[in-house]
Amino acid sequence: MNSEIKRVLVTGATGNIGYNVCLAILESEIELFVLGRKNESNFRQEFSLPCKYFQWSNPQKTLPPVEAMDVDAVIHLMGEPLDGNRWTEQKKLVIRSSRINSTKNIVNAIENSLERIKIFITASAIGIYGDKGDETLTESSIIGNNFLAKLCQEWENEAKKSSCRNAQLRFGIVLSNNSGALKKMLPIFENSFGGRLSSGTQWMSWIHMEDVVGITMKTLRDTELNGQINVVSPTPVRNKEFTKLLANALKVKAILPVPKTALRLVLGEMADVVLSSQKVLPEKITANNYTFKFTNLGDAFDSLFNWKESCHDRLFEQQQWTHKPLNEVFDFFSDEQNLEELTPPLLNFKVEGKSTEKIQEGTKIYYKLKIRGIPARWTSLITNWEPMTQFADVQIKGPYSKWYHRHIFSTLAGGVLIEDKVIYRLPFSRYGGNLLNWFIRKDIKTIFSYRRNIIKEWH
């Protein structure tokens, strides 16, 4: 590791890429600074990782606080989401301003930092190349001329004005359980409406989140890396192959092609980006000896969806950091009586007993509760019992067809990262299960949000 990088400032930390990069920074024992638009209280509601936080309420018009620039590196990931609403002229102005102007202001702040900052990393996208059919694209390829291509070029040009080492990461389609691309695809595929887009022959350049983080951290540390960097796997695939492998991982059929006209009707101009063919290779990062964790798309999807035994299985995940020591945290969560404190009062949750004196592998725990006012009984079996590391409680009697809740504990930055992974399957899932899932998922979020607030108040 470059020993000079001791403090890193991140913008866009609450985004999917930003959060994972922040986690990697802390795991590397680097001090984390975060810059965001919200006031600190609202920011801490959704971001629990330990960091020094600075509010930058108007990135388009003002420079960031001087104190935030007391760092060795800046990773700038802030920007208005490209998806969501149609690209009206007003939306384009907001998208452009959130990227170009904020980057311009950060560069000015870097120039005022008296050369302390060694590296400035900014986000970009492979959309800079435009629609190039079957042409193989590298960092030196000619850029496109549509809105996204011009936006990325202008964005990168502002970043390159920085006098320190700078790198522009051209992200492909990022694959993770929480990435924007997959989040939009999953409900469609899980309801058996998935399929190739238009002809399905267009190239898709993808990247697993673990490699997004790996490349970002290598760029941070490797003084030989600068300029434009394609953040994609070395094995792009055609859209029909992508949708086939995704359907296989989700254990569903992908037989309904989505016509080009339908996409344009729904997405407007953004449909051209979705339908673009971009066969992009990571030439620069490969030449700098980066070893990819995922080069096979089937393996990448399997790593994300290996928890699925059925197409009706769903996943809920949550992470939260606490300053408490590991032994205290594990002891608290492995005492079934504390479940009552962690559960919202509306569930009227009560522990009735357990099969062994202390919780261990194979212990059964008996509860009663109310689900939307309806009384229910629940029996859990404790599995995967590894003190100070993890355990799982598995429903063997209760309202779900399947409930597997894995609790994972790991030391991080002088405290503990608590992870909850819940795999659940609803009763009668073949008959309206997806509709019912909308209500149940809302309930699950409420329960874990309550738990999150209780943990946050620990002193």
Protein backbone atom coordinates (compact mmCIF):
# COMPACT_ATOMS: atom_id res chain seq x y z
CA MET A 1 0.00 0.00 0.00
CA ASN A 2 1.16 3.54 -0.70
CA SER A 3 2.07 4.62 2.84
CA GLU A 4 1.45 8.27 1.94
CA ILE A 5 -2.31 7.65 1.60
CA LYS A 6 -3.50 7.97 5.19
CA ARG A 7 -6.72 9.96 4.73
CA VAL A 8 -9.22 9.70 1.89
CA LEU A 9 -12.20 11.95 1.15
CA VAL A 10 -15.21 10.36 -0.60
CA THR A 11 -18.24 12.04 -2.16
CA GLY A 12 -21.31 9.99 -3.05
CA ALA A 13 -20.63 7.72 -0.07
CA THR A 14 -24.27 6.65 0.35
CA GLY A 15 -24.43 5.32 -3.21
CA ASN A 16 -23.84 1.64 -3.93
CA ILE A 17 -20.30 2.06 -5.27
CA GLY A 18 -19.47 4.77 -2.72
CA TYR A 19 -20.49 2.66 0.27
CA ASN A 20 -18.44 -0.35 -0.87
CA VAL A 21 -15.39 1.84 -1.55
CA CYS A 22 -15.73 3.41 1.93
CA LEU A 23 -15.82 -0.06 3.46
CA ALA A 24 -12.62 -1.02 1.62
CA ILE A 25 -10.91 2.20 2.75
CA LEU A 26 -11.69 1.41 6.39
CA GLU A 27 -10.62 -2.23 5.96
CA SER A 28 -7.28 -0.87 4.67
CA GLU A 29 -6.96 1.10 7.95
CA ILE A 30 -7.14 4.45 6.12
CA GLU A 31 -9.02 7.31 7.80
CA LEU A 32 -12.30 8.09 6.02
CA PHE A 33 -13.61 11.60 5.34
CA VAL A 34 -17.03 12.01 3.71
CA LEU A 35 -18.52 14.99 1.92
CA GLY A 36 -22.30 15.09 1.34
CA ARG A 37 -25.27 17.37 0.70
CA LYS A 38 -27.32 16.44 3.81
CA ASN A 39 -26.85 17.76 7.31
CA GLU A 40 -24.91 15.38 9.54
CA SER A 41 -27.91 14.08 11.47
CA ASN A 42 -29.74 13.01 8.29
CA PHE A 43 -26.56 11.58 6.79
CA ARG A 44 -25.89 9.41 9.85
CA GLN A 45 -29.41 8.01 9.60
CA GLU A 46 -28.42 6.05 6.49
CA PHE A 47 -24.62 5.79 6.83
CA SER A 48 -23.19 4.19 9.98
CA LEU A 49 -19.54 3.64 8.98
CA PRO A 50 -17.07 5.65 11.12
CA CYS A 51 -15.95 8.80 9.31
CA LYS A 52 -15.41 12.54 9.61
CA TYR A 53 -18.39 14.10 7.88
CA PHE A 54 -18.60 17.52 6.21
CA GLN A 55 -21.72 19.04 4.70
CA TRP A 56 -21.48 20.45 1.16
CA SER A 57 -25.04 21.60 0.62
CA ASN A 58 -24.57 23.20 -2.80
CA PRO A 59 -21.83 21.38 -4.77
CA GLN A 60 -22.78 23.08 -8.04
CA LYS A 61 -22.16 26.61 -6.74
CA THR A 62 -19.76 26.50 -3.80
CA LEU A 63 -16.38 25.05 -2.93
CA PRO A 64 -16.33 22.25 -0.33
CA PRO A 65 -15.34 23.16 3.26
CA VAL A 66 -11.60 23.76 3.60
CA GLU A 67 -11.41 21.27 6.53
CA ALA A 68 -12.68 18.45 4.28
CA MET A 69 -9.65 18.85 2.02
CA ASP A 70 -7.14 17.96 4.76
CA VAL A 71 -6.63 14.57 3.09
CA ASP A 72 -4.19 12.71 0.82
CA ALA A 73 -6.71 11.58 -1.80
CA VAL A 74 -10.18 12.44 -3.10
CA ILE A 75 -12.63 9.96 -4.66
CA HIS A 76 -15.47 11.91 -6.28
CA LEU A 77 -18.56 9.76 -6.98
CA MET A 78 -21.28 12.36 -6.43
CA GLY A 79 -23.88 12.96 -9.17
CA GLU A 80 -27.60 13.02 -9.97
CA PRO A 81 -28.73 9.45 -10.87
CA LEU A 82 -29.02 8.85 -14.62
CA ASP A 83 -31.94 6.46 -14.25
CA GLY A 84 -35.32 7.17 -12.71
CA ASN A 85 -37.05 9.94 -14.61
CA ARG A 86 -37.10 10.49 -18.36
CA TRP A 87 -34.36 12.73 -19.74
CA THR A 88 -36.26 15.96 -20.21
CA GLU A 89 -34.20 19.04 -21.01
CA GLN A 90 -34.54 20.10 -17.35
CA LYS A 91 -33.39 16.67 -16.14
CA LYS A 92 -30.35 16.86 -18.45
CA LEU A 93 -29.39 20.23 -16.98
CA VAL A 94 -29.55 18.79 -13.45
CA ILE A 95 -27.54 15.68 -14.45
CA ARG A 96 -24.90 17.82 -16.14
CA SER A 97 -24.64 20.44 -13.40
CA SER A 98 -24.38 17.85 -10.61
CA ARG A 99 -21.33 16.35 -12.29
CA ILE A 100 -19.52 19.11 -14.17
CA ASN A 101 -19.91 21.94 -11.65
CA SER A 102 -19.23 19.83 -8.55
CA THR A 103 -16.06 18.45 -10.20
CA LYS A 104 -14.97 21.97 -11.16
CA ASN A 105 -15.40 23.10 -7.53
CA ILE A 106 -13.53 20.11 -6.13
CA VAL A 107 -10.63 20.72 -8.54
CA ASN A 108 -10.47 24.34 -7.36
CA ALA A 109 -10.44 23.13 -3.74
CA ILE A 110 -7.63 20.67 -4.55
CA GLU A 111 -5.57 23.48 -6.06
CA ASN A 112 -6.04 25.44 -2.81
CA SER A 113 -4.91 22.51 -0.64
CA LEU A 114 -1.19 23.39 -0.92
CA GLU A 115 -0.29 20.18 -2.80
CA ARG A 116 -1.24 17.87 0.06
CA ILE A 117 -3.63 15.87 -2.16
CA LYS A 118 -1.76 13.23 -4.18
CA ILE A 119 -4.56 11.63 -6.22
CA PHE A 120 -7.98 12.70 -7.51
CA ILE A 121 -10.24 9.86 -8.69
CA THR A 122 -13.55 10.62 -10.41
CA ALA A 123 -16.36 8.51 -11.76
CA SER A 124 -17.19 8.36 -15.46
CA ALA A 125 -18.94 5.75 -17.62
CA ILE A 126 -18.39 3.64 -20.72
CA GLY A 127 -21.34 5.59 -22.15
CA ILE A 128 -18.60 7.95 -23.34
CA TYR A 129 -18.03 5.66 -26.33
CA GLY A 130 -21.62 5.82 -27.62
CA ASP A 131 -23.12 2.98 -29.67
CA LYS A 132 -20.24 1.24 -31.47
CA GLY A 133 -21.74 -2.07 -32.63
CA ASP A 134 -19.14 -4.86 -32.74
CA GLU A 135 -16.10 -2.56 -32.51
CA THR A 136 -13.68 -3.44 -29.71
CA LEU A 137 -13.22 -0.40 -27.48
CA THR A 138 -10.25 0.55 -25.28
CA GLU A 139 -9.33 3.72 -23.41
CA SER A 140 -7.90 5.19 -26.64
CA SER A 141 -11.06 4.62 -28.74
CA ILE A 142 -12.96 7.55 -30.26
CA ILE A 143 -15.78 8.83 -28.09
CA GLY A 144 -19.45 9.06 -29.12
CA ASN A 145 -21.61 12.11 -29.79
CA ASN A 146 -24.87 11.52 -27.90
CA PHE A 147 -25.84 13.30 -24.65
CA LEU A 148 -24.20 10.78 -22.29
CA ALA A 149 -20.98 10.64 -24.32
CA LYS A 150 -20.63 14.41 -24.38
CA LEU A 151 -21.49 14.61 -20.67
CA CYS A 152 -18.78 12.07 -19.75
CA GLN A 153 -16.21 13.84 -21.93
CA GLU A 154 -16.91 17.22 -20.33
CA TRP A 155 -16.90 15.59 -16.88
CA GLU A 156 -13.51 13.96 -17.50
CA ASN A 157 -12.06 17.17 -18.96
CA GLU A 158 -12.87 19.04 -15.75
CA ALA A 159 -11.27 16.31 -13.63
CA LYS A 160 -8.10 16.35 -15.76
CA LYS A 161 -7.53 20.02 -14.87
CA SER A 162 -6.34 18.88 -11.45
CA SER A 163 -2.58 19.32 -11.07
CA CYS A 164 -2.21 16.17 -8.94
CA ARG A 165 -2.30 12.62 -10.31
CA ASN A 166 -5.85 12.04 -11.52
CA ALA A 167 -7.84 9.10 -12.84
CA GLN A 168 -11.28 8.86 -14.43
CA LEU A 169 -12.97 5.50 -13.85
CA ARG A 170 -15.22 4.56 -16.78
CA PHE A 171 -17.68 2.19 -15.11
CA GLY A 172 -19.50 -0.50 -17.08
CA ILE A 173 -22.69 -2.21 -15.85
CA VAL A 174 -21.99 -2.76 -12.15
CA LEU A 175 -23.26 -6.07 -10.75
CA SER A 176 -24.23 -6.33 -7.09
CA ASN A 177 -27.39 -7.13 -5.14
CA ASN A 178 -27.94 -3.39 -4.70
CA SER A 179 -26.71 -1.97 -8.01
CA GLY A 180 -29.06 0.27 -9.95
CA ALA A 181 -28.97 -1.88 -13.09
CA LEU A 182 -29.86 -5.17 -11.40
CA LYS A 183 -32.36 -3.57 -9.02
CA LYS A 184 -34.42 -2.54 -12.04
CA MET A 185 -34.04 -5.90 -13.80
CA LEU A 186 -34.78 -8.22 -10.85
CA PRO A 187 -38.52 -7.55 -10.37
CA ILE A 188 -39.08 -7.98 -14.11
CA PHE A 189 -37.18 -11.28 -14.27
CA GLU A 190 -38.57 -12.59 -10.97
CA ASN A 191 -42.08 -12.08 -12.33
CA SER A 192 -41.13 -14.03 -15.48
CA PHE A 193 -41.28 -11.00 -17.78
CA GLY A 194 -37.54 -10.89 -18.48
CA GLY A 195 -35.86 -11.44 -21.81
CA ARG A 196 -33.43 -10.01 -24.33
CA LEU A 197 -33.65 -6.33 -25.23
CA SER A 198 -34.59 -5.77 -28.87
CA SER A 199 -32.41 -8.07 -31.07
CA GLY A 200 -30.23 -9.13 -28.12
CA THR A 201 -27.08 -8.85 -30.26
CA GLN A 202 -25.75 -5.67 -28.63
CA TRP A 203 -22.65 -6.01 -26.44
CA MET A 204 -22.84 -5.46 -22.69
CA SER A 205 -19.70 -4.64 -20.71
CA TRP A 206 -20.16 -5.60 -17.08
CA ILE A 207 -18.13 -5.57 -13.85
CA HIS A 208 -18.66 -7.27 -10.48
CA MET A 209 -18.76 -4.92 -7.48
CA GLU A 210 -15.76 -6.68 -5.91
CA ASP A 211 -13.71 -5.73 -8.98
CA VAL A 212 -15.07 -2.17 -8.97
CA VAL A 213 -13.69 -1.84 -5.44
CA GLY A 214 -10.48 -3.70 -6.31
CA ILE A 215 -9.72 -1.42 -9.28
CA THR A 216 -10.59 1.73 -7.32
CA MET A 217 -8.26 0.75 -4.48
CA LYS A 218 -5.48 -0.22 -6.89
CA THR A 219 -5.84 3.17 -8.60
CA LEU A 220 -5.61 4.86 -5.22
CA ARG A 221 -2.35 3.08 -4.37
CA ASP A 222 -0.58 2.60 -7.74
CA THR A 223 1.22 5.78 -8.79
CA GLU A 224 1.58 4.40 -12.34
CA LEU A 225 -2.19 4.52 -12.88
CA ASN A 226 -3.72 7.73 -14.19
CA GLY A 227 -6.03 9.09 -16.87
CA GLN A 228 -9.01 7.21 -18.25
CA ILE A 229 -9.50 3.65 -16.95
CA ASN A 230 -12.15 1.23 -18.24
CA VAL A 231 -13.70 -0.45 -15.20
CA VAL A 232 -15.16 -3.51 -16.94
CA SER A 233 -14.43 -7.22 -16.96
CA PRO A 234 -12.24 -8.50 -19.83
CA THR A 235 -15.15 -10.63 -21.10
CA PRO A 236 -18.10 -8.56 -22.42
CA VAL A 237 -21.13 -10.56 -23.58
CA ARG A 238 -24.06 -10.00 -25.91
CA ASN A 239 -27.36 -8.98 -24.38
CA LYS A 240 -29.05 -12.32 -25.13
CA GLU A 241 -26.26 -14.14 -23.25
CA PHE A 242 -26.48 -11.68 -20.34
CA THR A 243 -30.23 -12.16 -19.93
CA LYS A 244 -29.96 -15.94 -20.29
CA LEU A 245 -27.31 -16.21 -17.55
CA LEU A 246 -29.22 -13.83 -15.28
CA ALA A 247 -32.39 -15.90 -15.69
CA ASN A 248 -30.46 -19.11 -14.91
CA ALA A 249 -29.06 -17.59 -11.70
CA LEU A 250 -32.54 -16.41 -10.68
CA LYS A 251 -34.04 -19.84 -11.57
CA VAL A 252 -36.59 -18.32 -13.95
CA LYS A 253 -37.29 -18.38 -17.69
CA ALA A 254 -36.31 -15.43 -19.88
CA ILE A 255 -38.48 -15.85 -22.94
CA LEU A 256 -40.18 -12.49 -23.50
CA PRO A 257 -38.08 -10.13 -25.63
CA VAL A 258 -38.55 -6.42 -24.96
CA PRO A 259 -39.19 -4.54 -28.24
CA LYS A 260 -37.18 -1.40 -28.99
CA THR A 261 -40.36 0.66 -29.38
CA ALA A 262 -41.59 -0.35 -25.90
CA LEU A 263 -38.29 0.70 -24.31
CA ARG A 264 -38.41 4.07 -26.08
CA LEU A 265 -41.98 4.57 -24.93
CA VAL A 266 -41.03 3.94 -21.29
CA LEU A 267 -37.53 5.42 -21.12
CA GLY A 268 -37.47 8.08 -23.83
CA GLU A 269 -33.92 9.08 -24.85
CA MET A 270 -32.40 6.90 -22.12
CA ALA A 271 -33.53 3.85 -24.14
CA ASP A 272 -30.72 4.60 -26.61
CA VAL A 273 -28.21 4.13 -23.77
CA VAL A 274 -29.83 0.85 -22.67
CA LEU A 275 -29.79 -0.44 -26.26
CA SER A 276 -26.24 0.76 -27.06
CA SER A 277 -23.69 -1.85 -28.05
CA GLN A 278 -20.38 -1.38 -26.26
CA LYS A 279 -17.72 -4.06 -26.40
CA VAL A 280 -15.27 -2.48 -23.95
CA LEU A 281 -11.99 -3.99 -22.73
CA PRO A 282 -10.02 -2.99 -19.59
CA GLU A 283 -6.73 -2.50 -21.43
CA LYS A 284 -5.04 -0.11 -19.00
CA ILE A 285 -5.84 -1.90 -15.73
CA THR A 286 -4.87 -5.27 -17.27
CA ALA A 287 -1.53 -3.83 -18.41
CA ASN A 288 -1.00 -2.70 -14.79
CA ASN A 289 -1.35 -6.31 -13.58
CA TYR A 290 -4.75 -6.11 -11.91
CA THR A 291 -6.10 -9.62 -11.26
CA PHE A 292 -9.87 -9.82 -11.77
CA LYS A 293 -11.93 -11.78 -9.27
CA PHE A 294 -14.72 -12.34 -11.82
CA THR A 295 -14.16 -12.75 -15.54
CA ASN A 296 -16.98 -15.24 -16.17
CA LEU A 297 -20.46 -13.69 -16.08
CA GLY A 298 -22.10 -16.94 -14.95
CA ASP A 299 -19.75 -17.08 -11.96
CA ALA A 300 -20.45 -13.42 -11.18
CA PHE A 301 -24.21 -14.01 -11.11
CA ASP A 302 -23.75 -17.19 -9.06
CA SER A 303 -21.78 -15.25 -6.44
CA LEU A 304 -24.66 -12.77 -6.15
CA PHE A 305 -27.54 -15.26 -6.20
CA ASN A 306 -26.11 -18.49 -4.72
CA TRP A 307 -28.58 -18.05 -1.84
CA LYS A 308 -31.50 -18.78 -4.16
CA GLU A 309 -32.85 -22.31 -3.93
CA SER A 310 -36.09 -21.26 -5.62
CA CYS A 311 -37.19 -18.44 -7.90
CA HIS A 312 -39.50 -17.39 -5.03
CA ASP A 313 -36.65 -16.79 -2.56
CA ARG A 314 -35.96 -13.16 -1.70
CA LEU A 315 -33.04 -11.46 0.08
CA PHE A 316 -32.93 -8.61 2.59
CA GLU A 317 -29.52 -7.28 3.65
CA GLN A 318 -28.42 -4.64 6.14
CA GLN A 319 -25.04 -3.56 7.54
CA GLN A 320 -24.37 -1.35 10.53
CA TRP A 321 -21.22 -0.31 12.35
CA THR A 322 -21.04 0.15 16.12
CA HIS A 323 -18.18 1.35 18.32
CA LYS A 324 -18.86 -1.43 20.86
CA PRO A 325 -16.26 -4.23 21.29
CA LEU A 326 -16.86 -7.56 19.54
CA ASN A 327 -17.45 -9.65 22.67
CA GLU A 328 -20.16 -7.25 23.90
CA VAL A 329 -21.90 -7.16 20.52
CA PHE A 330 -21.85 -10.93 20.06
CA ASP A 331 -23.03 -11.59 23.62
CA PHE A 332 -25.92 -9.16 23.15
CA PHE A 333 -27.15 -10.69 19.89
CA SER A 334 -26.71 -14.26 21.07
CA ASP A 335 -28.97 -13.69 24.10
CA GLU A 336 -32.50 -14.43 22.92
CA GLN A 337 -34.03 -12.15 25.59
CA ASN A 338 -32.56 -9.12 23.80
CA LEU A 339 -34.66 -9.91 20.72
CA GLU A 340 -37.61 -8.31 22.49
CA GLU A 341 -35.66 -5.05 22.82
CA LEU A 342 -34.69 -5.16 19.13
CA THR A 343 -38.22 -5.82 17.85
CA PRO A 344 -40.86 -3.09 17.30
CA PRO A 345 -43.63 -3.10 19.97
CA LEU A 346 -46.31 -3.48 17.27
CA LEU A 347 -45.21 -7.13 16.82
CA ASN A 348 -45.88 -7.90 20.50
CA PHE A 349 -42.85 -10.21 20.36
CA LYS A 350 -42.28 -12.54 23.34
CA VAL A 351 -39.69 -15.30 23.91
CA GLU A 352 -41.34 -18.34 25.51
CA GLY A 353 -38.26 -20.48 26.02
CA LYS A 354 -35.42 -22.46 24.45
CA SER A 355 -34.30 -26.09 24.28
CA THR A 356 -30.83 -25.63 25.87
CA GLU A 357 -29.60 -23.57 28.82
CA LYS A 358 -27.34 -21.44 26.60
CA ILE A 359 -27.61 -20.81 22.88
CA GLN A 360 -25.42 -23.16 20.86
CA GLU A 361 -25.53 -25.13 17.63
CA GLY A 362 -28.89 -26.92 17.44
CA THR A 363 -30.71 -24.82 20.07
CA LYS A 364 -34.42 -24.33 19.41
CA ILE A 365 -36.02 -21.03 20.49
CA TYR A 366 -39.77 -20.57 20.87
CA TYR A 367 -41.54 -17.22 20.34
CA LYS A 368 -44.98 -15.77 19.98
CA LEU A 369 -45.81 -12.56 18.12
CA LYS A 370 -48.43 -10.75 16.08
CA ILE A 371 -48.10 -10.22 12.33
CA ARG A 372 -50.36 -7.37 11.19
CA GLY A 373 -52.44 -8.04 14.29
CA ILE A 374 -52.73 -11.81 13.72
CA PRO A 375 -51.26 -14.01 16.53
CA ALA A 376 -48.53 -16.43 15.40
CA ARG A 377 -46.04 -18.85 16.94
CA TRP A 378 -42.50 -19.24 15.72
CA THR A 379 -39.78 -21.83 16.38
CA SER A 380 -36.17 -21.13 15.33
CA LEU A 381 -33.24 -23.50 15.06
CA ILE A 382 -29.73 -22.07 15.68
CA THR A 383 -27.19 -23.12 13.01
CA ASN A 384 -23.79 -21.94 11.72
CA TRP A 385 -22.80 -21.30 15.34
CA GLU A 386 -19.32 -19.69 15.36
CA PRO A 387 -18.87 -17.54 18.50
CA MET A 388 -17.63 -13.98 17.80
CA THR A 389 -18.08 -14.55 14.04
CA GLN A 390 -21.60 -15.61 13.05
CA PHE A 391 -24.72 -17.64 13.70
CA ALA A 392 -28.03 -18.17 11.92
CA ASP A 393 -31.58 -18.68 13.08
CA VAL A 394 -33.73 -20.79 10.78
CA GLN A 395 -37.51 -20.94 11.05
CA ILE A 396 -38.67 -24.54 11.50
CA LYS A 397 -42.21 -23.54 12.44
CA GLY A 398 -43.85 -20.23 11.62
CA PRO A 399 -45.61 -18.04 9.07
CA TYR A 400 -42.99 -18.17 6.29
CA SER A 401 -42.31 -20.97 3.83
CA LYS A 402 -38.65 -20.20 4.48
CA TRP A 403 -36.77 -17.87 6.83
CA TYR A 404 -32.99 -17.99 7.20
CA HIS A 405 -31.45 -15.08 9.12
CA ARG A 406 -27.65 -15.02 9.18
CA HIS A 407 -25.95 -12.71 11.69
CA ILE A 408 -22.32 -11.86 10.80
CA PHE A 409 -19.88 -9.94 13.02
CA SER A 410 -16.48 -8.57 11.99
CA THR A 411 -14.06 -6.11 13.56
CA LEU A 412 -13.67 -2.84 11.67
CA ALA A 413 -12.04 0.49 12.54
CA GLY A 414 -12.00 -0.14 16.29
CA GLY A 415 -15.59 -1.35 16.40
CA VAL A 416 -17.80 -4.03 14.86
CA LEU A 417 -19.60 -4.29 11.53
CA ILE A 418 -22.91 -6.08 12.09
CA GLU A 419 -24.41 -7.74 9.01
CA ASP A 420 -27.90 -9.16 8.68
CA LYS A 421 -28.73 -11.40 5.71
CA VAL A 422 -32.29 -12.66 5.57
CA ILE A 423 -33.39 -15.15 2.92
CA TYR A 424 -37.15 -15.62 2.97
CA ARG A 425 -39.92 -17.25 0.94
CA LEU A 426 -43.56 -16.37 1.34
CA PRO A 427 -46.37 -18.90 1.71
CA PHE A 428 -48.40 -19.49 -1.47
CA SER A 429 -45.60 -17.81 -3.41
CA ARG A 430 -46.77 -19.36 -6.68
CA TYR A 431 -50.12 -17.64 -6.31
CA GLY A 432 -49.64 -13.92 -5.97
CA GLY A 433 -46.47 -14.25 -3.93
CA ASN A 434 -44.79 -11.36 -5.73
CA LEU A 435 -47.70 -9.07 -4.96
CA LEU A 436 -47.67 -10.13 -1.30
CA ASN A 437 -43.88 -9.62 -1.22
CA TRP A 438 -44.35 -5.85 -1.64
CA PHE A 439 -46.25 -5.68 1.68
CA ILE A 440 -44.02 -8.15 3.54
CA ARG A 441 -40.78 -6.49 2.42
CA LYS A 442 -42.12 -3.20 3.74
CA ASP A 443 -42.72 -4.90 7.12
CA ILE A 444 -39.22 -6.41 7.13
CA LYS A 445 -37.69 -2.99 6.40
CA THR A 446 -39.68 -1.49 9.29
CA ILE A 447 -38.45 -4.20 11.69
CA PHE A 448 -34.79 -3.77 10.72
CA SER A 449 -35.04 0.01 10.68
CA TYR A 450 -36.25 -0.18 14.31
CA ARG A 451 -33.34 -2.51 15.13
CA ARG A 452 -30.93 -0.10 13.43
CA ASN A 453 -32.15 2.80 15.57
CA ILE A 454 -31.82 0.79 18.81
CA ILE A 455 -28.20 -0.12 17.94
CA LYS A 456 -27.42 3.47 16.95
CA GLU A 457 -28.42 4.64 20.44
CA TRP A 458 -25.94 2.33 22.19
CA HIS A 459 -23.49 4.30 24.34
